[in-house]
Amino acid sequence: MPRPIFDPVVHQPQRLQICALLAPTRGLPFAEVRDEVGLSDSALSKHLRSLEAEGYVSIARQLTQGRRTTHVTLTHAGREALCGHVSELQRLARLVSPRPRVRFS
């Protein structure tokens, strides 16, 4: 289990969505990620470049039946960063959640 650590790259809301979407898969086509997250092509490309620069996603471009396709995969480092970030958010949430108070009679 990755240690809880806040990751500013993963923390950005759309990047967090992208990583969470990719986590249970072996990767997804660019268009599917775009549609699920609800971003424009250019906005998604920008976020993917940030994640790729950290080694959190790999982007494979290929020519299939004369069409260029792009496939996005969460890397091992990306999965570790996502899990560590989520663990840290859960830890922080426990700190601020209301606790039952003990009443003494």
PDB file of N, CA and C in Angstrom:
ATOM      1  N   MET A   1       0.851  -1.183   0.000  1.00  0.00           N
ATOM      2  CA  MET A   1       0.000   0.000   0.000  1.00  0.00           C
ATOM      3  C   MET A   1       0.891   1.238   0.000  1.00  0.00           C
ATOM      4  N   PRO A   2       0.666   2.148  -0.938  1.00  0.00           N
ATOM      5  CA  PRO A   2       1.479   3.364  -0.966  1.00  0.00           C
ATOM      6  C   PRO A   2       1.238   4.211   0.271  1.00  0.00           C
ATOM      7  N   ARG A   3       2.287   4.886   0.699  1.00  0.00           N
ATOM      8  CA  ARG A   3       2.117   5.719   1.885  1.00  0.00           C
ATOM      9  C   ARG A   3       1.306   6.953   1.519  1.00  0.00           C
ATOM     10  N   PRO A   4       0.477   7.430   2.450  1.00  0.00           N
ATOM     11  CA  PRO A   4      -0.332   8.614   2.176  1.00  0.00           C
ATOM     12  C   PRO A   4       0.554   9.831   1.930  1.00  0.00           C
ATOM     13  N   ILE A   5       0.392  10.436   0.790  1.00  0.00           N
ATOM     14  CA  ILE A   5       1.143  11.651   0.474  1.00  0.00           C
ATOM     15  C   ILE A   5       0.326  12.497  -0.500  1.00  0.00           C
ATOM     16  N   PHE A   6       0.211  13.770  -0.186  1.00  0.00           N
ATOM     17  CA  PHE A   6      -0.518  14.703  -1.027  1.00  0.00           C
ATOM     18  C   PHE A   6       0.290  14.934  -2.301  1.00  0.00           C
ATOM     19  N   ASP A   7      -0.319  14.741  -3.453  1.00  0.00           N
ATOM     20  CA  ASP A   7       0.372  14.920  -4.730  1.00  0.00           C
ATOM     21  C   ASP A   7      -0.270  16.078  -5.489  1.00  0.00           C
ATOM     22  N   PRO A   8       0.425  17.215  -5.607  1.00  0.00           N
ATOM     23  CA  PRO A   8      -0.167  18.384  -6.256  1.00  0.00           C
ATOM     24  C   PRO A   8      -0.483  18.173  -7.735  1.00  0.00           C
ATOM     25  N   VAL A   9       0.200  17.256  -8.397  1.00  0.00           N
ATOM     26  CA  VAL A   9      -0.099  16.994  -9.811  1.00  0.00           C
ATOM     27  C   VAL A   9      -1.418  16.245  -9.929  1.00  0.00           C
ATOM     28  N   VAL A  10      -1.602  15.228  -9.120  1.00  0.00           N
ATOM     29  CA  VAL A  10      -2.832  14.430  -9.152  1.00  0.00           C
ATOM     30  C   VAL A  10      -4.000  15.209  -8.547  1.00  0.00           C
ATOM     31  N   HIS A  11      -3.725  16.116  -7.630  1.00  0.00           N
ATOM     32  CA  HIS A  11      -4.781  16.819  -6.896  1.00  0.00           C
ATOM     33  C   HIS A  11      -5.682  17.672  -7.791  1.00  0.00           C
ATOM     34  N   GLN A  12      -5.154  18.208  -8.872  1.00  0.00           N
ATOM     35  CA  GLN A  12      -5.958  19.055  -9.752  1.00  0.00           C
ATOM     36  C   GLN A  12      -7.196  18.252 -10.163  1.00  0.00           C
ATOM     37  N   PRO A  13      -8.411  18.811 -10.030  1.00  0.00           N
ATOM     38  CA  PRO A  13      -9.640  18.021 -10.195  1.00  0.00           C
ATOM     39  C   PRO A  13      -9.745  17.197 -11.482  1.00  0.00           C
ATOM     40  N   GLN A  14      -9.443  17.784 -12.629  1.00  0.00           N
ATOM     41  CA  GLN A  14      -9.566  17.008 -13.868  1.00  0.00           C
ATOM     42  C   GLN A  14      -8.509  15.910 -13.948  1.00  0.00           C
ATOM     43  N   ARG A  15      -7.310  16.176 -13.451  1.00  0.00           N
ATOM     44  CA  ARG A  15      -6.274  15.132 -13.466  1.00  0.00           C
ATOM     45  C   ARG A  15      -6.628  14.006 -12.496  1.00  0.00           C
ATOM     46  N   LEU A  16      -7.233  14.353 -11.375  1.00  0.00           N
ATOM     47  CA  LEU A  16      -7.694  13.336 -10.432  1.00  0.00           C
ATOM     48  C   LEU A  16      -8.756  12.459 -11.101  1.00  0.00           C
ATOM     49  N   GLN A  17      -9.679  13.085 -11.829  1.00  0.00           N
ATOM     50  CA  GLN A  17     -10.702  12.330 -12.563  1.00  0.00           C
ATOM     51  C   GLN A  17     -10.067  11.418 -13.613  1.00  0.00           C
ATOM     52  N   ILE A  18      -9.106  11.936 -14.346  1.00  0.00           N
ATOM     53  CA  ILE A  18      -8.444  11.153 -15.395  1.00  0.00           C
ATOM     54  C   ILE A  18      -7.768   9.924 -14.788  1.00  0.00           C
ATOM     55  N   CYS A  19      -7.009  10.130 -13.725  1.00  0.00           N
ATOM     56  CA  CYS A  19      -6.308   9.009 -13.081  1.00  0.00           C
ATOM     57  C   CYS A  19      -7.296   7.988 -12.524  1.00  0.00           C
ATOM     58  N   ALA A  20      -8.359   8.473 -11.888  1.00  0.00           N
ATOM     59  CA  ALA A  20      -9.363   7.564 -11.323  1.00  0.00           C
ATOM     60  C   ALA A  20     -10.073   6.779 -12.425  1.00  0.00           C
ATOM     61  N   LEU A  21     -10.317   7.418 -13.547  1.00  0.00           N
ATOM     62  CA  LEU A  21     -10.961   6.750 -14.676  1.00  0.00           C
ATOM     63  C   LEU A  21     -10.059   5.659 -15.256  1.00  0.00           C
ATOM     64  N   LEU A  22      -8.775   5.950 -15.352  1.00  0.00           N
ATOM     65  CA  LEU A  22      -7.830   4.997 -15.940  1.00  0.00           C
ATOM     66  C   LEU A  22      -7.444   3.862 -14.994  1.00  0.00           C
ATOM     67  N   ALA A  23      -7.525   4.092 -13.690  1.00  0.00           N
ATOM     68  CA  ALA A  23      -7.019   3.131 -12.701  1.00  0.00           C
ATOM     69  C   ALA A  23      -7.559   1.708 -12.863  1.00  0.00           C
ATOM     70  N   PRO A  24      -8.860   1.514 -13.030  1.00  0.00           N
ATOM     71  CA  PRO A  24      -9.341   0.128 -13.120  1.00  0.00           C
ATOM     72  C   PRO A  24      -9.237  -0.484 -14.522  1.00  0.00           C
ATOM     73  N   THR A  25      -8.578   0.212 -15.442  1.00  0.00           N
ATOM     74  CA  THR A  25      -8.514  -0.267 -16.827  1.00  0.00           C
ATOM     75  C   THR A  25      -7.078  -0.593 -17.232  1.00  0.00           C
ATOM     76  N   ARG A  26      -6.953  -1.148 -18.426  1.00  0.00           N
ATOM     77  CA  ARG A  26      -5.635  -1.360 -19.030  1.00  0.00           C
ATOM     78  C   ARG A  26      -5.321  -0.200 -19.968  1.00  0.00           C
ATOM     79  N   GLY A  27      -6.073   0.872 -19.835  1.00  0.00           N
ATOM     80  CA  GLY A  27      -5.917   2.039 -20.694  1.00  0.00           C
ATOM     81  C   GLY A  27      -7.178   2.261 -21.499  1.00  0.00           C
ATOM     82  N   LEU A  28      -7.333   3.496 -21.965  1.00  0.00           N
ATOM     83  CA  LEU A  28      -8.529   3.861 -22.719  1.00  0.00           C
ATOM     84  C   LEU A  28      -8.147   4.731 -23.906  1.00  0.00           C
ATOM     85  N   PRO A  29      -8.989   4.715 -24.942  1.00  0.00           N
ATOM     86  CA  PRO A  29      -8.764   5.635 -26.051  1.00  0.00           C
ATOM     87  C   PRO A  29      -8.936   7.088 -25.581  1.00  0.00           C
ATOM     88  N   PHE A  30      -8.159   7.978 -26.169  1.00  0.00           N
ATOM     89  CA  PHE A  30      -8.213   9.401 -25.851  1.00  0.00           C
ATOM     90  C   PHE A  30      -9.658   9.905 -25.883  1.00  0.00           C
ATOM     91  N   ALA A  31     -10.405   9.551 -26.933  1.00  0.00           N
ATOM     92  CA  ALA A  31     -11.776  10.042 -27.092  1.00  0.00           C
ATOM     93  C   ALA A  31     -12.672   9.609 -25.937  1.00  0.00           C
ATOM     94  N   GLU A  32     -12.475   8.405 -25.438  1.00  0.00           N
ATOM     95  CA  GLU A  32     -13.290   7.925 -24.318  1.00  0.00           C
ATOM     96  C   GLU A  32     -12.966   8.690 -23.038  1.00  0.00           C
ATOM     97  N   VAL A  33     -11.685   8.946 -22.799  1.00  0.00           N
ATOM     98  CA  VAL A  33     -11.284   9.738 -21.630  1.00  0.00           C
ATOM     99  C   VAL A  33     -11.886  11.138 -21.746  1.00  0.00           C
ATOM    100  N   ARG A  34     -11.749  11.741 -22.922  1.00  0.00           N
ATOM    101  CA  ARG A  34     -12.291  13.078 -23.170  1.00  0.00           C
ATOM    102  C   ARG A  34     -13.785  13.136 -22.867  1.00  0.00           C
ATOM    103  N   ASP A  35     -14.528  12.173 -23.387  1.00  0.00           N
ATOM    104  CA  ASP A  35     -15.976  12.171 -23.209  1.00  0.00           C
ATOM    105  C   ASP A  35     -16.377  11.924 -21.759  1.00  0.00           C
ATOM    106  N   GLU A  36     -15.699  11.006 -21.088  1.00  0.00           N
ATOM    107  CA  GLU A  36     -16.028  10.693 -19.694  1.00  0.00           C
ATOM    108  C   GLU A  36     -15.726  11.854 -18.756  1.00  0.00           C
ATOM    109  N   VAL A  37     -14.601  12.534 -18.985  1.00  0.00           N
ATOM    110  CA  VAL A  37     -14.188  13.628 -18.103  1.00  0.00           C
ATOM    111  C   VAL A  37     -14.864  14.937 -18.511  1.00  0.00           C
ATOM    112  N   GLY A  38     -15.310  15.017 -19.766  1.00  0.00           N
ATOM    113  CA  GLY A  38     -16.017  16.200 -20.232  1.00  0.00           C
ATOM    114  C   GLY A  38     -15.110  17.379 -20.547  1.00  0.00           C
ATOM    115  N   LEU A  39     -13.974  17.090 -21.160  1.00  0.00           N
ATOM    116  CA  LEU A  39     -13.024  18.139 -21.531  1.00  0.00           C
ATOM    117  C   LEU A  39     -12.925  18.247 -23.049  1.00  0.00           C
ATOM    118  N   SER A  40     -12.449  19.391 -23.515  1.00  0.00           N
ATOM    119  CA  SER A  40     -12.149  19.545 -24.939  1.00  0.00           C
ATOM    120  C   SER A  40     -10.867  18.770 -25.241  1.00  0.00           C
ATOM    121  N   ASP A  41     -10.621  18.524 -26.514  1.00  0.00           N
ATOM    122  CA  ASP A  41      -9.387  17.840 -26.911  1.00  0.00           C
ATOM    123  C   ASP A  41      -8.159  18.581 -26.396  1.00  0.00           C
ATOM    124  N   SER A  42      -8.150  19.907 -26.549  1.00  0.00           N
ATOM    125  CA  SER A  42      -6.965  20.676 -26.145  1.00  0.00           C
ATOM    126  C   SER A  42      -6.774  20.669 -24.632  1.00  0.00           C
ATOM    127  N   ALA A  43      -7.864  20.769 -23.870  1.00  0.00           N
ATOM    128  CA  ALA A  43      -7.749  20.751 -22.405  1.00  0.00           C
ATOM    129  C   ALA A  43      -7.261  19.385 -21.924  1.00  0.00           C
ATOM    130  N   LEU A  44      -7.807  18.314 -22.503  1.00  0.00           N
ATOM    131  CA  LEU A  44      -7.364  16.973 -22.112  1.00  0.00           C
ATOM    132  C   LEU A  44      -5.894  16.776 -22.476  1.00  0.00           C
ATOM    133  N   SER A  45      -5.497  17.220 -23.654  1.00  0.00           N
ATOM    134  CA  SER A  45      -4.093  17.094 -24.062  1.00  0.00           C
ATOM    135  C   SER A  45      -3.168  17.788 -23.076  1.00  0.00           C
ATOM    136  N   LYS A  46      -3.558  18.955 -22.619  1.00  0.00           N
ATOM    137  CA  LYS A  46      -2.741  19.707 -21.658  1.00  0.00           C
ATOM    138  C   LYS A  46      -2.586  18.924 -20.349  1.00  0.00           C
ATOM    139  N   HIS A  47      -3.687  18.380 -19.836  1.00  0.00           N
ATOM    140  CA  HIS A  47      -3.627  17.608 -18.591  1.00  0.00           C
ATOM    141  C   HIS A  47      -2.806  16.331 -18.779  1.00  0.00           C
ATOM    142  N   LEU A  48      -2.974  15.684 -19.916  1.00  0.00           N
ATOM    143  CA  LEU A  48      -2.206  14.460 -20.166  1.00  0.00           C
ATOM    144  C   LEU A  48      -0.717  14.749 -20.278  1.00  0.00           C
ATOM    145  N   ARG A  49      -0.351  15.887 -20.863  1.00  0.00           N
ATOM    146  CA  ARG A  49       1.070  16.256 -20.932  1.00  0.00           C
ATOM    147  C   ARG A  49       1.647  16.428 -19.526  1.00  0.00           C
ATOM    148  N   SER A  50       0.878  17.054 -18.627  1.00  0.00           N
ATOM    149  CA  SER A  50       1.337  17.224 -17.239  1.00  0.00           C
ATOM    150  C   SER A  50       1.525  15.874 -16.561  1.00  0.00           C
ATOM    151  N   LEU A  51       0.564  14.977 -16.741  1.00  0.00           N
ATOM    152  CA  LEU A  51       0.654  13.646 -16.136  1.00  0.00           C
ATOM    153  C   LEU A  51       1.785  12.830 -16.761  1.00  0.00           C
ATOM    154  N   GLU A  52       1.966  12.960 -18.060  1.00  0.00           N
ATOM    155  CA  GLU A  52       3.035  12.228 -18.747  1.00  0.00           C
ATOM    156  C   GLU A  52       4.408  12.735 -18.304  1.00  0.00           C
ATOM    157  N   ALA A  53       4.533  14.039 -18.094  1.00  0.00           N
ATOM    158  CA  ALA A  53       5.813  14.619 -17.658  1.00  0.00           C
ATOM    159  C   ALA A  53       6.237  14.072 -16.297  1.00  0.00           C
ATOM    160  N   GLU A  54       5.272  13.717 -15.452  1.00  0.00           N
ATOM    161  CA  GLU A  54       5.562  13.131 -14.139  1.00  0.00           C
ATOM    162  C   GLU A  54       5.732  11.619 -14.211  1.00  0.00           C
ATOM    163  N   GLY A  55       5.464  11.042 -15.377  1.00  0.00           N
ATOM    164  CA  GLY A  55       5.556   9.589 -15.530  1.00  0.00           C
ATOM    165  C   GLY A  55       4.310   8.873 -15.051  1.00  0.00           C
ATOM    166  N   TYR A  56       3.195   9.599 -14.920  1.00  0.00           N
ATOM    167  CA  TYR A  56       1.968   9.011 -14.385  1.00  0.00           C
ATOM    168  C   TYR A  56       1.088   8.362 -15.449  1.00  0.00           C
ATOM    169  N   VAL A  57       1.214   8.782 -16.691  1.00  0.00           N
ATOM    170  CA  VAL A  57       0.485   8.136 -17.781  1.00  0.00           C
ATOM    171  C   VAL A  57       1.445   7.893 -18.934  1.00  0.00           C
ATOM    172  N   SER A  58       1.105   6.912 -19.739  1.00  0.00           N
ATOM    173  CA  SER A  58       1.820   6.719 -20.999  1.00  0.00           C
ATOM    174  C   SER A  58       0.804   6.936 -22.113  1.00  0.00           C
ATOM    175  N   ILE A  59       1.283   7.543 -23.179  1.00  0.00           N
ATOM    176  CA  ILE A  59       0.418   7.876 -24.305  1.00  0.00           C
ATOM    177  C   ILE A  59       0.993   7.195 -25.539  1.00  0.00           C
ATOM    178  N   ALA A  60       0.198   6.324 -26.139  1.00  0.00           N
ATOM    179  CA  ALA A  60       0.631   5.600 -27.335  1.00  0.00           C
ATOM    180  C   ALA A  60      -0.187   6.080 -28.528  1.00  0.00           C
ATOM    181  N   ARG A  61       0.521   6.555 -29.535  1.00  0.00           N
ATOM    182  CA  ARG A  61      -0.139   6.995 -30.767  1.00  0.00           C
ATOM    183  C   ARG A  61       0.172   5.969 -31.850  1.00  0.00           C
ATOM    184  N   GLN A  62      -0.867   5.594 -32.583  1.00  0.00           N
ATOM    185  CA  GLN A  62      -0.647   4.621 -33.649  1.00  0.00           C
ATOM    186  C   GLN A  62      -1.598   4.887 -34.809  1.00  0.00           C
ATOM    187  N   LEU A  63      -1.248   4.344 -35.935  1.00  0.00           N
ATOM    188  CA  LEU A  63      -2.076   4.457 -37.125  1.00  0.00           C
ATOM    189  C   LEU A  63      -2.823   3.144 -37.289  1.00  0.00           C
ATOM    190  N   THR A  64      -4.146   3.200 -37.240  1.00  0.00           N
ATOM    191  CA  THR A  64      -4.970   2.006 -37.368  1.00  0.00           C
ATOM    192  C   THR A  64      -5.973   2.243 -38.492  1.00  0.00           C
ATOM    193  N   GLN A  65      -5.909   1.432 -39.525  1.00  0.00           N
ATOM    194  CA  GLN A  65      -6.792   1.547 -40.688  1.00  0.00           C
ATOM    195  C   GLN A  65      -6.800   2.978 -41.233  1.00  0.00           C
ATOM    196  N   GLY A  66      -5.626   3.552 -41.316  1.00  0.00           N
ATOM    197  CA  GLY A  66      -5.497   4.893 -41.863  1.00  0.00           C
ATOM    198  C   GLY A  66      -5.891   6.018 -40.926  1.00  0.00           C
ATOM    199  N   ARG A  67      -6.297   5.670 -39.715  1.00  0.00           N
ATOM    200  CA  ARG A  67      -6.692   6.684 -38.730  1.00  0.00           C
ATOM    201  C   ARG A  67      -5.694   6.703 -37.593  1.00  0.00           C
ATOM    202  N   ARG A  68      -5.381   7.900 -37.151  1.00  0.00           N
ATOM    203  CA  ARG A  68      -4.476   8.046 -36.008  1.00  0.00           C
ATOM    204  C   ARG A  68      -5.297   7.889 -34.729  1.00  0.00           C
ATOM    205  N   THR A  69      -4.867   6.983 -33.874  1.00  0.00           N
ATOM    206  CA  THR A  69      -5.545   6.784 -32.592  1.00  0.00           C
ATOM    207  C   THR A  69      -4.550   6.999 -31.456  1.00  0.00           C
ATOM    208  N   THR A  70      -5.078   7.440 -30.339  1.00  0.00           N
ATOM    209  CA  THR A  70      -4.257   7.676 -29.155  1.00  0.00           C
ATOM    210  C   THR A  70      -4.845   6.883 -28.006  1.00  0.00           C
ATOM    211  N   HIS A  71      -3.988   6.148 -27.316  1.00  0.00           N
ATOM    212  CA  HIS A  71      -4.398   5.302 -26.196  1.00  0.00           C
ATOM    213  C   HIS A  71      -3.660   5.784 -24.944  1.00  0.00           C
ATOM    214  N   VAL A  72      -4.392   5.980 -23.859  1.00  0.00           N
ATOM    215  CA  VAL A  72      -3.821   6.514 -22.621  1.00  0.00           C
ATOM    216  C   VAL A  72      -3.872   5.442 -21.541  1.00  0.00           C
ATOM    217  N   THR A  73      -2.746   5.236 -20.865  1.00  0.00           N
ATOM    218  CA  THR A  73      -2.646   4.216 -19.822  1.00  0.00           C
ATOM    219  C   THR A  73      -2.040   4.819 -18.561  1.00  0.00           C
ATOM    220  N   LEU A  74      -2.600   4.485 -17.413  1.00  0.00           N
ATOM    221  CA  LEU A  74      -2.026   4.886 -16.133  1.00  0.00           C
ATOM    222  C   LEU A  74      -0.827   3.982 -15.857  1.00  0.00           C
ATOM    223  N   THR A  75       0.318   4.566 -15.565  1.00  0.00           N
ATOM    224  CA  THR A  75       1.528   3.785 -15.291  1.00  0.00           C
ATOM    225  C   THR A  75       1.524   3.304 -13.839  1.00  0.00           C
ATOM    226  N   HIS A  76       2.493   2.462 -13.524  1.00  0.00           N
ATOM    227  CA  HIS A  76       2.644   2.011 -12.135  1.00  0.00           C
ATOM    228  C   HIS A  76       2.873   3.216 -11.217  1.00  0.00           C
ATOM    229  N   ALA A  77       3.723   4.138 -11.652  1.00  0.00           N
ATOM    230  CA  ALA A  77       3.983   5.350 -10.853  1.00  0.00           C
ATOM    231  C   ALA A  77       2.710   6.178 -10.693  1.00  0.00           C
ATOM    232  N   GLY A  78       1.898   6.232 -11.736  1.00  0.00           N
ATOM    233  CA  GLY A  78       0.633   6.960 -11.664  1.00  0.00           C
ATOM    234  C   GLY A  78      -0.338   6.321 -10.689  1.00  0.00           C
ATOM    235  N   ARG A  79      -0.384   5.000 -10.712  1.00  0.00           N
ATOM    236  CA  ARG A  79      -1.264   4.271  -9.781  1.00  0.00           C
ATOM    237  C   ARG A  79      -0.806   4.491  -8.341  1.00  0.00           C
ATOM    238  N   GLU A  80       0.506   4.439  -8.118  1.00  0.00           N
ATOM    239  CA  GLU A  80       1.051   4.687  -6.776  1.00  0.00           C
ATOM    240  C   GLU A  80       0.726   6.111  -6.317  1.00  0.00           C
ATOM    241  N   ALA A  81       0.893   7.081  -7.212  1.00  0.00           N
ATOM    242  CA  ALA A  81       0.607   8.479  -6.867  1.00  0.00           C
ATOM    243  C   ALA A  81      -0.872   8.664  -6.552  1.00  0.00           C
ATOM    244  N   LEU A  82      -1.739   8.069  -7.358  1.00  0.00           N
ATOM    245  CA  LEU A  82      -3.178   8.179  -7.132  1.00  0.00           C
ATOM    246  C   LEU A  82      -3.562   7.541  -5.804  1.00  0.00           C
ATOM    247  N   CYS A  83      -3.101   6.331  -5.545  1.00  0.00           N
ATOM    248  CA  CYS A  83      -3.447   5.633  -4.301  1.00  0.00           C
ATOM    249  C   CYS A  83      -2.912   6.374  -3.080  1.00  0.00           C
ATOM    250  N   GLY A  84      -1.691   6.868  -3.168  1.00  0.00           N
ATOM    251  CA  GLY A  84      -1.125   7.638  -2.062  1.00  0.00           C
ATOM    252  C   GLY A  84      -1.893   8.920  -1.822  1.00  0.00           C
ATOM    253  N   HIS A  85      -2.286   9.582  -2.900  1.00  0.00           N
ATOM    254  CA  HIS A  85      -3.036  10.837  -2.787  1.00  0.00           C
ATOM    255  C   HIS A  85      -4.411  10.582  -2.162  1.00  0.00           C
ATOM    256  N   VAL A  86      -5.096   9.564  -2.642  1.00  0.00           N
ATOM    257  CA  VAL A  86      -6.417   9.230  -2.092  1.00  0.00           C
ATOM    258  C   VAL A  86      -6.294   8.851  -0.617  1.00  0.00           C
ATOM    259  N   SER A  87      -5.259   8.110  -0.258  1.00  0.00           N
ATOM    260  CA  SER A  87      -5.039   7.750   1.152  1.00  0.00           C
ATOM    261  C   SER A  87      -4.846   8.989   2.011  1.00  0.00           C
ATOM    262  N   GLU A  88      -4.094   9.954   1.495  1.00  0.00           N
ATOM    263  CA  GLU A  88      -3.876  11.198   2.241  1.00  0.00           C
ATOM    264  C   GLU A  88      -5.175  11.993   2.375  1.00  0.00           C
ATOM    265  N   LEU A  89      -5.974  12.048   1.320  1.00  0.00           N
ATOM    266  CA  LEU A  89      -7.266  12.739   1.405  1.00  0.00           C
ATOM    267  C   LEU A  89      -8.175  12.056   2.430  1.00  0.00           C
ATOM    268  N   GLN A  90      -8.157  10.732   2.459  1.00  0.00           N
ATOM    269  CA  GLN A  90      -8.961  10.002   3.443  1.00  0.00           C
ATOM    270  C   GLN A  90      -8.475  10.292   4.859  1.00  0.00           C
ATOM    271  N   ARG A  91      -7.157  10.349   5.044  1.00  0.00           N
ATOM    272  CA  ARG A  91      -6.592  10.664   6.360  1.00  0.00           C
ATOM    273  C   ARG A  91      -7.023  12.060   6.799  1.00  0.00           C
ATOM    274  N   LEU A  92      -6.949  13.014   5.894  1.00  0.00           N
ATOM    275  CA  LEU A  92      -7.354  14.385   6.218  1.00  0.00           C
ATOM    276  C   LEU A  92      -8.852  14.464   6.517  1.00  0.00           C
ATOM    277  N   ALA A  93      -9.645  13.721   5.771  1.00  0.00           N
ATOM    278  CA  ALA A  93     -11.092  13.719   6.000  1.00  0.00           C
ATOM    279  C   ALA A  93     -11.423  13.185   7.392  1.00  0.00           C
ATOM    280  N   ARG A  94     -10.674  12.192   7.848  1.00  0.00           N
ATOM    281  CA  ARG A  94     -10.915  11.659   9.197  1.00  0.00           C
ATOM    282  C   ARG A  94     -10.600  12.707  10.260  1.00  0.00           C
ATOM    283  N   LEU A  95      -9.618  13.576   9.996  1.00  0.00           N
ATOM    284  CA  LEU A  95      -9.259  14.615  10.965  1.00  0.00           C
ATOM    285  C   LEU A  95     -10.358  15.654  11.134  1.00  0.00           C
ATOM    286  N   VAL A  96     -11.078  15.936  10.081  1.00  0.00           N
ATOM    287  CA  VAL A  96     -12.088  16.995  10.143  1.00  0.00           C
ATOM    288  C   VAL A  96     -13.505  16.475  10.325  1.00  0.00           C
ATOM    289  N   SER A  97     -13.707  15.178  10.267  1.00  0.00           N
ATOM    290  CA  SER A  97     -15.058  14.646  10.425  1.00  0.00           C
ATOM    291  C   SER A  97     -15.476  14.738  11.889  1.00  0.00           C
ATOM    292  N   PRO A  98     -16.751  15.034  12.101  1.00  0.00           N
ATOM    293  CA  PRO A  98     -17.223  15.147  13.483  1.00  0.00           C
ATOM    294  C   PRO A  98     -17.130  13.808  14.207  1.00  0.00           C
ATOM    295  N   ARG A  99     -16.694  13.890  15.432  1.00  0.00           N
ATOM    296  CA  ARG A  99     -16.591  12.677  16.247  1.00  0.00           C
ATOM    297  C   ARG A  99     -17.694  12.712  17.300  1.00  0.00           C
ATOM    298  N   PRO A 100     -18.237  11.556  17.613  1.00  0.00           N
ATOM    299  CA  PRO A 100     -19.254  11.541  18.673  1.00  0.00           C
ATOM    300  C   PRO A 100     -18.630  11.973  19.999  1.00  0.00           C
ATOM    301  N   ARG A 101     -19.352  12.787  20.715  1.00  0.00           N
ATOM    302  CA  ARG A 101     -18.857  13.255  22.016  1.00  0.00           C
ATOM    303  C   ARG A 101     -19.377  12.346  23.121  1.00  0.00           C
ATOM    304  N   VAL A 102     -18.516  12.100  24.059  1.00  0.00           N
ATOM    305  CA  VAL A 102     -18.895  11.273  25.203  1.00  0.00           C
ATOM    306  C   VAL A 102     -19.553  12.186  26.226  1.00  0.00           C
ATOM    307  N   ARG A 103     -20.708  11.787  26.695  1.00  0.00           N
ATOM    308  CA  ARG A 103     -21.409  12.578  27.712  1.00  0.00           C
ATOM    309  C   ARG A 103     -21.247  11.908  29.065  1.00  0.00           C
ATOM    310  N   PHE A 104     -20.916  12.710  30.009  1.00  0.00           N
ATOM    311  CA  PHE A 104     -20.796  12.208  31.377  1.00  0.00           C
ATOM    312  C   PHE A 104     -22.005  12.690  32.161  1.00  0.00           C
ATOM    313  N   SER A 105     -22.624  11.792  32.892  1.00  0.00           N
ATOM    314  CA  SER A 105     -23.803  12.176  33.678  1.00  0.00           C
ATOM    315  C   SER A 105     -23.403  12.637  35.049  1.00  0.00           C
TER     316      SER A 105
END
